[in-house]
Structures are given as structure tokens and as C-alpha cells.
N, C-alpha and C. Protein backbone atom coordinates (compact mmCIF):
# COMPACT_ATOMS: atom_id res chain seq x y z
N MET A 1 -15.08 3.03 -26.53
CA MET A 1 -16.09 3.32 -25.48
C MET A 1 -17.77 4.09 -25.64
N ALA A 2 -17.56 4.86 -26.68
CA ALA A 2 -18.34 5.59 -27.18
C ALA A 2 -19.48 4.78 -27.61
N ALA A 3 -19.07 3.89 -28.59
CA ALA A 3 -19.86 3.05 -29.17
C ALA A 3 -20.51 2.06 -28.00
N ASP A 4 -20.42 1.72 -26.98
CA ASP A 4 -20.77 0.56 -25.84
C ASP A 4 -21.82 1.73 -25.05
N ASP A 5 -21.59 3.15 -24.93
CA ASP A 5 -22.36 4.29 -24.31
C ASP A 5 -23.67 4.47 -25.05
N GLN A 6 -23.32 4.37 -26.38
CA GLN A 6 -24.75 4.50 -27.43
C GLN A 6 -25.29 3.17 -27.25
N ASP A 7 -24.87 2.01 -27.46
CA ASP A 7 -25.80 0.79 -27.05
C ASP A 7 -26.60 0.56 -25.92
N GLU A 8 -25.75 1.09 -24.82
CA GLU A 8 -26.52 1.14 -23.36
C GLU A 8 -27.62 2.22 -23.43
N GLN A 9 -27.63 3.41 -24.27
CA GLN A 9 -28.54 4.47 -24.23
C GLN A 9 -29.81 3.83 -25.36
N SER A 10 -29.51 3.21 -26.19
CA SER A 10 -30.56 2.55 -27.30
C SER A 10 -31.48 1.42 -26.55
N LYS A 11 -30.62 0.73 -25.67
CA LYS A 11 -31.16 -0.35 -25.11
C LYS A 11 -32.38 0.09 -23.67
N THR A 12 -31.93 1.32 -23.27
CA THR A 12 -32.79 1.85 -21.90
C THR A 12 -34.06 2.75 -22.65
N PRO A 13 -35.13 2.22 -22.49
CA PRO A 13 -36.41 3.08 -22.68
C PRO A 13 -36.33 4.79 -22.13
N GLN A 14 -36.64 5.41 -23.00
CA GLN A 14 -36.87 6.77 -22.65
C GLN A 14 -38.20 7.23 -21.98
N PRO A 15 -38.04 7.80 -20.80
CA PRO A 15 -39.46 7.49 -20.15
C PRO A 15 -40.08 8.79 -20.64
N SER A 16 -39.84 9.75 -21.43
CA SER A 16 -40.67 10.83 -21.75
C SER A 16 -41.30 10.37 -23.00
N GLU A 17 -40.57 9.55 -23.95
CA GLU A 17 -41.31 9.02 -25.25
C GLU A 17 -42.22 7.64 -24.65
N GLU A 18 -41.87 6.82 -23.75
CA GLU A 18 -42.76 5.92 -23.42
C GLU A 18 -44.13 6.44 -22.66
N LYS A 19 -44.09 7.57 -22.14
CA LYS A 19 -45.05 8.41 -21.47
C LYS A 19 -46.21 8.84 -22.80
N LYS A 20 -45.70 9.28 -23.83
CA LYS A 20 -46.14 10.02 -24.77
C LYS A 20 -47.16 9.16 -25.38
N GLN A 21 -46.58 7.97 -25.51
CA GLN A 21 -47.01 6.70 -26.26
C GLN A 21 -48.11 6.68 -25.45
N GLU A 22 -48.34 6.31 -24.13
CA GLU A 22 -49.43 5.75 -23.33
C GLU A 22 -50.55 6.94 -22.95
N GLY A 23 -50.40 7.93 -23.09
CA GLY A 23 -51.43 8.80 -23.06
C GLY A 23 -51.34 9.99 -22.23
N PRO A 24 -52.35 10.43 -21.11
CA PRO A 24 -51.88 11.33 -19.92
C PRO A 24 -51.76 10.94 -19.03
N LEU A 25 -50.68 11.32 -18.11
CA LEU A 25 -50.17 11.18 -16.84
C LEU A 25 -51.09 10.61 -15.88
N THR A 26 -50.84 9.53 -15.15
CA THR A 26 -51.42 9.16 -13.93
C THR A 26 -51.39 10.10 -12.62
N LEU A 27 -52.43 10.18 -12.00
CA LEU A 27 -52.24 11.00 -10.84
C LEU A 27 -51.06 10.76 -9.95
N ALA A 28 -50.69 9.77 -9.84
CA ALA A 28 -49.23 9.37 -8.96
C ALA A 28 -48.02 9.91 -9.88
N GLU A 29 -48.07 9.91 -11.15
CA GLU A 29 -46.93 10.30 -11.89
C GLU A 29 -47.15 11.83 -12.10
N GLU A 30 -48.27 12.36 -12.29
CA GLU A 30 -48.26 13.71 -12.30
C GLU A 30 -47.77 14.36 -10.75
N LEU A 31 -47.88 13.81 -9.70
CA LEU A 31 -47.52 14.28 -8.47
C LEU A 31 -46.18 13.88 -8.07
N GLY A 32 -45.57 13.05 -8.68
CA GLY A 32 -44.09 12.23 -8.36
C GLY A 32 -44.07 11.52 -7.40
N ILE A 33 -45.26 10.69 -7.01
CA ILE A 33 -45.40 10.01 -5.96
C ILE A 33 -44.37 8.52 -6.23
N GLU A 34 -43.45 8.59 -5.32
CA GLU A 34 -42.44 7.12 -5.58
C GLU A 34 -42.65 6.40 -4.53
N ASP A 35 -42.48 6.86 -3.43
CA ASP A 35 -42.38 5.78 -2.09
C ASP A 35 -42.99 6.81 -0.72
N LEU A 36 -42.89 5.81 0.24
CA LEU A 36 -43.51 6.59 1.45
C LEU A 36 -42.20 7.65 2.11
N SER A 37 -41.34 8.14 1.44
CA SER A 37 -40.19 8.84 2.08
C SER A 37 -40.89 10.37 2.22
N ASP A 38 -42.06 10.56 1.10
CA ASP A 38 -42.21 11.86 1.13
C ASP A 38 -43.95 11.56 1.01
N PRO A 39 -44.78 11.78 2.16
CA PRO A 39 -46.13 11.26 1.85
C PRO A 39 -46.84 12.38 1.48
N ILE A 40 -46.68 13.76 1.62
CA ILE A 40 -47.77 14.80 1.30
C ILE A 40 -47.06 15.33 -0.13
N PHE A 41 -47.85 15.69 -0.91
CA PHE A 41 -47.72 16.38 -2.31
C PHE A 41 -48.73 17.57 -2.39
N GLY A 42 -48.10 18.66 -3.01
CA GLY A 42 -48.80 19.80 -3.65
C GLY A 42 -49.06 19.60 -5.18
N GLY A 43 -50.10 19.92 -5.28
CA GLY A 43 -50.31 19.66 -6.79
C GLY A 43 -51.94 20.18 -7.24
N ARG A 44 -51.96 21.16 -8.41
CA ARG A 44 -53.37 21.97 -8.79
C ARG A 44 -53.60 22.56 -7.73
N GLY A 45 -52.86 23.38 -6.92
CA GLY A 45 -53.26 24.25 -5.98
C GLY A 45 -53.80 23.42 -4.56
N ARG A 46 -53.61 22.04 -4.69
CA ARG A 46 -54.39 21.22 -3.65
C ARG A 46 -53.19 20.38 -2.71
N ILE A 47 -53.67 19.82 -1.72
CA ILE A 47 -52.80 18.88 -0.72
C ILE A 47 -53.36 17.70 -1.24
N PHE A 48 -52.13 16.88 -1.37
CA PHE A 48 -52.36 15.16 -1.77
C PHE A 48 -51.35 14.31 -0.58
N SER A 49 -52.10 13.40 -0.28
CA SER A 49 -51.12 12.20 0.61
C SER A 49 -51.14 10.57 0.00
N ALA A 50 -50.06 10.12 0.03
CA ALA A 50 -50.17 8.56 -0.50
C ALA A 50 -48.94 8.03 0.16
N ALA A 51 -49.26 6.85 0.47
CA ALA A 51 -48.36 5.99 1.02
C ALA A 51 -47.21 5.55 -0.11
N GLY A 52 -47.38 5.53 -1.15
CA GLY A 52 -46.82 4.76 -2.35
C GLY A 52 -47.37 5.20 -3.62
N LYS A 53 -46.69 4.75 -4.75
CA LYS A 53 -46.98 4.94 -5.99
C LYS A 53 -48.44 4.10 -6.52
N ASP A 54 -48.63 3.19 -5.66
CA ASP A 54 -49.24 2.37 -6.12
C ASP A 54 -50.76 2.64 -5.15
N SER A 55 -50.65 3.24 -4.07
CA SER A 55 -51.40 3.42 -2.96
C SER A 55 -52.52 4.56 -3.57
N PRO A 56 -53.71 4.51 -3.09
CA PRO A 56 -55.03 5.59 -3.41
C PRO A 56 -54.19 6.90 -2.81
N VAL A 57 -54.79 7.92 -3.48
CA VAL A 57 -54.15 9.13 -3.33
C VAL A 57 -55.19 10.08 -2.37
N ALA A 58 -54.96 10.44 -1.47
CA ALA A 58 -56.04 11.49 -0.71
C ALA A 58 -55.88 12.68 -0.95
N GLU A 59 -56.85 13.25 -1.12
CA GLU A 59 -57.13 15.06 -1.42
C GLU A 59 -57.73 15.57 -0.11
N PHE A 60 -56.86 16.61 0.18
CA PHE A 60 -57.68 17.16 1.71
C PHE A 60 -58.33 18.51 1.14
N THR A 61 -59.57 18.63 1.49
CA THR A 61 -60.26 20.02 1.41
C THR A 61 -60.57 20.66 2.65
N ASP A 62 -61.46 21.53 2.45
CA ASP A 62 -61.95 22.06 3.87
C ASP A 62 -62.90 21.48 4.55
N GLU A 63 -63.71 20.48 3.53
CA GLU A 63 -65.05 20.05 4.19
C GLU A 63 -64.58 18.40 3.84
N PHE A 64 -63.81 17.82 3.04
CA PHE A 64 -63.95 16.47 2.64
C PHE A 64 -62.72 15.89 2.67
N LEU A 65 -62.45 14.89 2.82
CA LEU A 65 -61.20 13.36 2.30
C LEU A 65 -61.86 13.06 1.04
N ILE A 66 -61.04 13.05 0.25
CA ILE A 66 -61.27 13.01 -1.11
C ILE A 66 -60.44 11.62 -1.74
N MET A 67 -60.75 10.60 -1.92
CA MET A 67 -59.70 9.33 -2.25
C MET A 67 -59.92 9.52 -3.97
N HIS A 68 -58.70 9.12 -4.51
CA HIS A 68 -58.40 8.99 -6.03
C HIS A 68 -57.60 7.95 -6.27
N PRO A 69 -58.12 7.18 -7.21
CA PRO A 69 -57.03 6.00 -7.84
C PRO A 69 -55.74 6.65 -8.40
N PRO A 70 -54.53 5.94 -7.89
CA PRO A 70 -53.29 6.27 -8.31
C PRO A 70 -52.99 6.14 -9.90
N GLN A 71 -53.61 5.05 -10.42
CA GLN A 71 -53.04 4.56 -11.61
C GLN A 71 -54.02 5.31 -12.93
N LYS A 72 -55.11 6.14 -12.36
CA LYS A 72 -55.50 7.01 -13.46
C LYS A 72 -55.27 8.22 -13.48
N PRO A 73 -55.68 8.67 -14.82
CA PRO A 73 -55.55 10.49 -14.71
C PRO A 73 -56.52 11.30 -13.42
N PHE A 74 -56.07 12.41 -13.22
CA PHE A 74 -56.84 13.29 -12.40
C PHE A 74 -58.22 13.37 -13.10
N ASP A 75 -59.34 13.09 -12.31
CA ASP A 75 -60.62 13.58 -13.16
C ASP A 75 -61.54 14.07 -11.71
N GLU A 76 -61.81 15.66 -11.82
CA GLU A 76 -62.85 16.21 -10.97
C GLU A 76 -64.16 16.03 -11.13
N SER A 77 -64.57 15.39 -12.28
CA SER A 77 -66.04 15.31 -12.35
C SER A 77 -66.17 13.43 -12.24
N GLY A 78 -65.47 13.01 -11.35
CA GLY A 78 -65.56 11.44 -11.33
C GLY A 78 -66.72 11.18 -10.27
N LYS A 79 -66.71 10.05 -10.22
CA LYS A 79 -68.08 9.57 -9.09
C LYS A 79 -67.69 10.06 -7.94
N SER A 80 -68.86 10.22 -6.97
CA SER A 80 -68.75 10.22 -5.62
C SER A 80 -70.09 9.67 -5.00
N GLU A 81 -69.50 9.76 -3.53
CA GLU A 81 -70.71 9.18 -2.90
C GLU A 81 -71.09 10.25 -1.67
N ASP A 82 -72.13 10.60 -1.39
CA ASP A 82 -72.48 11.41 -0.30
C ASP A 82 -73.01 10.32 0.78
N PHE A 83 -72.56 10.89 1.78
CA PHE A 83 -73.04 10.04 3.18
C PHE A 83 -74.24 10.88 3.63
N VAL A 84 -75.25 10.38 3.63
CA VAL A 84 -76.33 11.09 4.41
C VAL A 84 -76.69 10.32 6.11
N VAL A 85 -76.73 11.49 6.94
CA VAL A 85 -77.24 11.23 8.00
C VAL A 85 -78.53 10.95 8.27
N ASN A 86 -79.31 9.89 8.75
CA ASN A 86 -80.99 10.14 9.43
C ASN A 86 -80.91 9.92 10.50
N VAL A 87 -81.88 11.00 11.08
CA VAL A 87 -82.48 10.90 12.58
C VAL A 87 -83.85 11.41 12.35
N ASP A 88 -84.37 10.03 13.40
CA ASP A 88 -85.89 10.10 13.32
C ASP A 88 -86.45 11.04 14.04
N ASP A 89 -87.68 11.61 14.23
CA ASP A 89 -88.41 12.59 14.96
C ASP A 89 -88.26 12.86 16.41
N SER A 90 -87.59 11.48 16.91
CA SER A 90 -87.09 11.62 18.61
C SER A 90 -85.94 11.77 18.71
N GLY A 91 -85.14 12.06 17.73
CA GLY A 91 -83.83 12.65 17.78
C GLY A 91 -82.52 11.41 17.70
N VAL A 92 -83.12 10.14 17.37
CA VAL A 92 -81.99 8.78 17.42
C VAL A 92 -81.92 8.79 15.84
N LEU A 93 -80.25 8.39 15.99
CA LEU A 93 -79.86 7.81 14.44
C LEU A 93 -80.46 6.84 13.88
N LEU A 94 -80.50 7.07 12.59
CA LEU A 94 -81.05 5.58 12.04
C LEU A 94 -80.26 5.16 11.45
N ASP A 95 -80.14 3.63 11.27
CA ASP A 95 -79.13 2.54 10.77
C ASP A 95 -79.75 2.64 9.08
N GLU A 96 -79.02 1.98 7.87
CA GLU A 96 -79.25 1.92 6.83
C GLU A 96 -80.73 1.29 6.58
N LEU A 97 -81.23 0.63 7.63
CA LEU A 97 -82.31 -0.01 7.31
C LEU A 97 -83.71 0.80 7.92
N MET A 98 -82.91 2.13 8.28
CA MET A 98 -84.39 3.20 9.06
C MET A 98 -84.74 3.10 10.14
N ARG A 99 -83.93 1.81 11.07
CA ARG A 99 -84.24 1.83 12.15
C ARG A 99 -83.63 2.19 13.41
N GLN A 100 -83.90 2.53 14.58
CA GLN A 100 -83.32 3.23 15.53
C GLN A 100 -81.95 2.29 16.09
N LYS A 101 -80.79 3.50 15.91
CA LYS A 101 -79.52 2.82 16.29
C LYS A 101 -79.39 2.45 18.09
N LYS A 102 -79.37 1.34 18.44
CA LYS A 102 -79.34 1.31 19.40
C LYS A 102 -77.97 0.92 20.11
N ILE A 103 -77.33 0.92 21.19
CA ILE A 103 -76.13 0.74 21.76
C ILE A 103 -76.05 -0.79 22.10
N ALA A 104 -75.82 -1.90 21.68
CA ALA A 104 -75.81 -3.40 21.79
C ALA A 104 -75.24 -3.29 23.00
N GLY A 105 -76.33 -4.05 24.27
CA GLY A 105 -75.70 -4.88 25.16
C GLY A 105 -75.57 -3.59 26.52
N ALA A 106 -75.94 -2.27 26.44
CA ALA A 106 -75.28 -1.09 26.86
C ALA A 106 -76.84 -0.99 27.75
N ARG A 107 -76.73 -0.42 28.62
CA ARG A 107 -78.07 -0.12 30.01
C ARG A 107 -77.50 1.00 30.80
N PHE A 108 -78.69 2.03 30.96
CA PHE A 108 -78.45 2.93 32.03
C PHE A 108 -79.82 2.94 33.08
N LYS A 109 -79.42 2.43 34.15
CA LYS A 109 -80.41 1.84 35.14
C LYS A 109 -81.61 1.27 34.41
N GLY A 110 -81.43 0.32 33.89
CA GLY A 110 -82.39 -0.40 32.94
C GLY A 110 -82.87 -0.14 31.64
N HIS A 111 -82.67 1.40 31.30
CA HIS A 111 -82.89 1.74 30.06
C HIS A 111 -81.87 1.32 29.02
N GLU A 112 -82.66 1.00 27.75
CA GLU A 112 -81.70 0.93 26.67
C GLU A 112 -81.04 2.29 26.04
N LEU A 113 -79.72 2.22 25.81
CA LEU A 113 -79.40 3.20 25.44
C LEU A 113 -79.18 3.34 23.75
N TYR A 114 -79.08 4.89 23.16
CA TYR A 114 -79.27 4.83 21.68
C TYR A 114 -78.37 5.87 21.25
N TRP A 115 -77.99 5.89 19.93
CA TRP A 115 -77.17 6.65 19.51
C TRP A 115 -78.14 8.02 19.03
N LEU A 116 -77.54 9.17 19.54
CA LEU A 116 -78.46 10.44 19.40
C LEU A 116 -77.92 10.82 17.95
N GLY A 117 -78.79 11.86 17.35
CA GLY A 117 -78.27 12.55 15.99
C GLY A 117 -77.43 13.46 16.44
N GLU A 118 -77.63 14.10 17.52
CA GLU A 118 -76.48 15.11 18.12
C GLU A 118 -75.14 14.78 18.01
N THR A 119 -74.17 15.60 17.54
CA THR A 119 -73.01 15.06 17.69
C THR A 119 -72.08 16.27 18.23
N LYS A 120 -70.67 15.73 18.92
CA LYS A 120 -70.18 16.61 19.60
C LYS A 120 -69.39 17.51 18.50
N PRO A 121 -69.63 18.83 18.98
CA PRO A 121 -69.07 19.83 18.12
C PRO A 121 -67.57 19.63 17.55
N GLY A 122 -67.38 20.10 16.43
CA GLY A 122 -66.08 19.68 15.53
C GLY A 122 -65.70 18.31 15.22
N THR A 123 -66.47 17.42 15.67
CA THR A 123 -66.28 16.05 15.48
C THR A 123 -67.36 15.40 14.97
N LEU A 124 -67.27 13.84 14.57
CA LEU A 124 -68.57 13.13 14.00
C LEU A 124 -68.88 12.33 15.08
N LYS A 125 -68.42 12.37 16.14
CA LYS A 125 -68.81 11.34 17.27
C LYS A 125 -70.52 11.92 17.87
N HIS A 126 -71.07 10.85 18.18
CA HIS A 126 -72.89 11.33 18.26
C HIS A 126 -72.54 10.91 19.64
N TYR A 127 -73.58 11.83 20.48
CA TYR A 127 -73.74 11.68 22.00
C TYR A 127 -74.79 10.65 21.93
N ALA A 128 -74.56 9.84 23.35
CA ALA A 128 -75.46 8.75 23.99
C ALA A 128 -76.82 9.06 24.68
N GLY A 129 -77.77 8.58 24.61
CA GLY A 129 -78.71 9.09 25.54
C GLY A 129 -79.91 7.98 25.53
N TRP A 130 -81.01 8.05 26.29
CA TRP A 130 -81.64 7.07 26.78
C TRP A 130 -83.17 7.80 26.87
N PHE A 131 -84.54 6.96 26.89
CA PHE A 131 -85.47 7.59 26.90
C PHE A 131 -86.39 7.27 28.34
N ASP A 132 -87.07 8.23 28.82
CA ASP A 132 -87.83 7.85 29.98
C ASP A 132 -89.08 7.34 29.68
N LYS A 133 -90.15 7.16 30.66
CA LYS A 133 -91.72 6.70 30.52
C LYS A 133 -92.26 7.48 29.35
N HIS A 134 -91.96 8.87 29.17
CA HIS A 134 -92.52 9.64 28.53
C HIS A 134 -92.20 9.88 27.18
N ASP A 135 -91.17 9.07 26.92
CA ASP A 135 -90.29 9.02 25.72
C ASP A 135 -89.72 10.53 25.39
N ILE A 136 -88.88 11.09 26.35
CA ILE A 136 -88.18 12.32 26.60
C ILE A 136 -86.61 11.69 26.42
N ALA A 137 -85.88 12.21 25.27
CA ALA A 137 -84.39 11.71 25.33
C ALA A 137 -83.54 12.52 26.68
N HIS A 138 -82.74 11.60 27.36
CA HIS A 138 -81.78 11.95 28.14
C HIS A 138 -80.52 11.71 28.01
N LEU A 139 -79.73 12.83 27.87
CA LEU A 139 -77.88 12.83 27.47
C LEU A 139 -77.34 11.71 28.88
N LEU A 140 -76.15 11.29 28.91
CA LEU A 140 -75.50 10.91 29.95
C LEU A 140 -74.12 11.86 30.10
N TYR A 141 -73.87 12.09 31.04
CA TYR A 141 -72.71 12.81 31.60
C TYR A 141 -71.44 12.60 32.07
N VAL A 142 -70.39 13.17 31.99
CA VAL A 142 -69.09 12.53 32.93
C VAL A 142 -68.60 14.08 33.63
N ASN A 143 -68.54 14.30 34.86
CA ASN A 143 -67.92 15.69 34.96
C ASN A 143 -68.70 16.91 34.29
N GLY A 144 -70.04 16.62 34.01
CA GLY A 144 -70.80 17.91 33.59
C GLY A 144 -70.81 17.98 32.20
N GLU A 145 -69.84 16.87 31.43
CA GLU A 145 -69.76 16.85 29.86
C GLU A 145 -70.88 15.90 29.34
N PRO A 146 -71.28 16.01 28.45
CA PRO A 146 -71.93 14.95 27.66
C PRO A 146 -71.11 13.99 27.15
N ILE A 147 -71.34 12.56 27.07
CA ILE A 147 -70.38 11.28 26.48
C ILE A 147 -71.13 10.66 25.14
N THR A 148 -69.85 10.55 24.78
CA THR A 148 -70.50 10.00 23.18
C THR A 148 -70.58 8.57 23.16
N THR A 149 -71.00 7.92 22.26
CA THR A 149 -71.24 6.41 22.08
C THR A 149 -69.86 5.74 22.17
N GLU A 150 -68.64 6.24 22.14
CA GLU A 150 -67.42 5.89 22.13
C GLU A 150 -67.54 5.42 23.61
N ILE A 151 -67.51 6.41 24.29
CA ILE A 151 -67.08 6.10 25.72
C ILE A 151 -68.00 5.15 26.25
N ILE A 152 -69.32 5.11 25.84
CA ILE A 152 -70.45 3.95 26.10
C ILE A 152 -69.78 2.76 26.18
N PHE A 153 -69.21 2.73 24.64
CA PHE A 153 -68.78 1.35 24.71
C PHE A 153 -67.77 0.87 25.38
N LYS A 154 -66.92 1.71 25.95
CA LYS A 154 -65.78 1.53 26.69
C LYS A 154 -66.37 1.11 28.22
N LEU A 155 -67.43 1.95 28.39
CA LEU A 155 -68.11 1.71 29.66
C LEU A 155 -68.71 0.18 29.86
N ARG A 156 -69.53 0.00 28.87
CA ARG A 156 -70.21 -1.37 28.78
C ARG A 156 -69.16 -2.60 28.74
N ASN A 157 -68.19 -2.34 28.13
CA ASN A 157 -67.25 -3.74 27.80
C ASN A 157 -66.49 -3.66 29.38
N LYS A 158 -66.68 -2.62 30.17
CA LYS A 158 -66.07 -2.94 31.31
C LYS A 158 -66.99 -3.47 32.28
N THR A 159 -68.16 -3.74 32.13
CA THR A 159 -69.18 -4.28 33.01
C THR A 159 -69.49 -6.03 32.61
N HIS A 160 -70.04 -6.71 33.63
CA HIS A 160 -70.37 -8.19 33.16
C HIS A 160 -71.62 -8.21 32.56
N ASP A 161 -72.38 -7.12 32.79
CA ASP A 161 -73.89 -7.24 32.36
C ASP A 161 -74.27 -6.02 31.19
N GLY A 162 -73.46 -5.06 31.02
CA GLY A 162 -73.74 -4.07 30.18
C GLY A 162 -74.65 -2.69 31.36
N GLU A 163 -74.60 -2.98 32.60
CA GLU A 163 -75.22 -1.62 33.15
C GLU A 163 -74.41 -0.95 33.48
N ILE A 164 -74.29 0.33 32.82
CA ILE A 164 -73.15 1.24 33.06
C ILE A 164 -73.72 2.46 34.28
N SER A 165 -74.72 2.14 34.96
CA SER A 165 -75.10 3.00 36.07
C SER A 165 -74.10 2.72 37.12
N ILE A 166 -73.26 1.63 37.27
CA ILE A 166 -72.54 1.36 38.32
C ILE A 166 -71.24 2.21 38.64
N PHE A 167 -71.00 3.03 37.55
CA PHE A 167 -70.11 4.09 37.62
C PHE A 167 -70.29 5.43 38.07
N PRO A 168 -69.44 5.92 39.45
CA PRO A 168 -70.04 6.54 40.16
C PRO A 168 -69.58 8.18 39.42
N ASP A 169 -68.94 8.34 38.43
CA ASP A 169 -69.21 9.74 37.75
C ASP A 169 -70.25 9.97 37.01
N LEU A 170 -70.86 9.00 36.44
CA LEU A 170 -71.61 8.88 35.36
C LEU A 170 -73.08 9.40 35.83
N GLU A 171 -73.55 10.77 35.24
CA GLU A 171 -74.91 11.16 35.65
C GLU A 171 -75.71 11.12 34.46
N SER A 172 -77.09 11.39 34.60
CA SER A 172 -77.81 11.71 33.71
C SER A 172 -78.46 13.31 33.99
N ASP A 173 -79.05 13.95 33.07
CA ASP A 173 -79.94 15.06 33.39
C ASP A 173 -81.19 14.77 33.86
N ASP A 174 -81.88 13.82 33.98
CA ASP A 174 -83.02 13.11 34.68
C ASP A 174 -83.42 12.07 34.81
N VAL A 175 -83.38 11.60 36.07
CA VAL A 175 -83.63 9.90 36.38
C VAL A 175 -85.06 9.71 36.70
N ASP A 176 -85.07 8.54 35.82
CA ASP A 176 -86.93 8.14 35.97
C ASP A 176 -87.20 7.48 37.50
């Protein structure tokens, strides 16, 4: 029986020897990620999350969410992408081609609606607004609270022509 045990051990690769030959540990191996049973991990004084050993690893910081490839070693000096929000002089959010970002198909009392550069505090949700004949921006409100583009899309989708002024709770700070 002892000989059988030795044969089985010699056929089974030893993980520590295998990893030493391959080089540094991948981030998934370093954190001990195996499956979805425990999606939150701590390591290097940081908090990480992953859906499994082959899924991207998310690192949570105070300001950012950073995605890391699971099959590579941890690298703090890797490439990063900075997101820039462009706003024109009138306060309208600009798209990738530097054009004013309109809310397609939505109107308030005949005026086109725009994504404004101003966001709801604590979120990345942009307020929606329209411009009067003097090119002054006006916000839209429900119960005295300015509303975001997300709400505008929902209201627009409930109309047949995109005119959202039909909703009685919707107000503006100034009407043409």
C-alpha cells in the first residue's frame, strides 16, 4: 500500500513546484479567487471583487473602480484610462465629437432638451434642461427637485410624440 501511495503522489503535480516554474502569481491566484461563493477579497491593504478565477478583478478605491486582468500579476503602474467630461460655455455636456448632447426625441413646450454639465450631487447623473430664446438654460423639476436625463428618457418613452410638458407634475423655473 505504501508503494501505491508513493505512485499517486509522484503522478500528482505539486502546486508549489508548478507555480515556482511559471513565475509570479497571477492576481487571481494571489487573492485566492476560486469561484463565486466568496466574491469579496482583501489583499495588499485593498478591497477586490471577482465573479470567479477567470473574471476581471475589480478594485475599489475611494474615488475609482479599477479593473484588473485576473491572469496577470498585479501591476500598479499599468495603463489607465482617464474619462474627461467636456462642457461648453452654455453649460451643455459635449459628446465625443464635441457636439452638444441632446436628448433625442424629447421636448418641453416645443423646446429641445439637453444634457447639462451639472450633475446630481453624489452621482454621475446629469440634469436635463432647455434653452429659451435668449439662450438661457432652464432646469426641469418634479416636486421642486431638478430631474436628471434618466427621468426625461422615461417620461419621453411614455408619450407618443416626445412632448413631456403633458405631465402635470413637471415644471420649469421659467417658461417662454
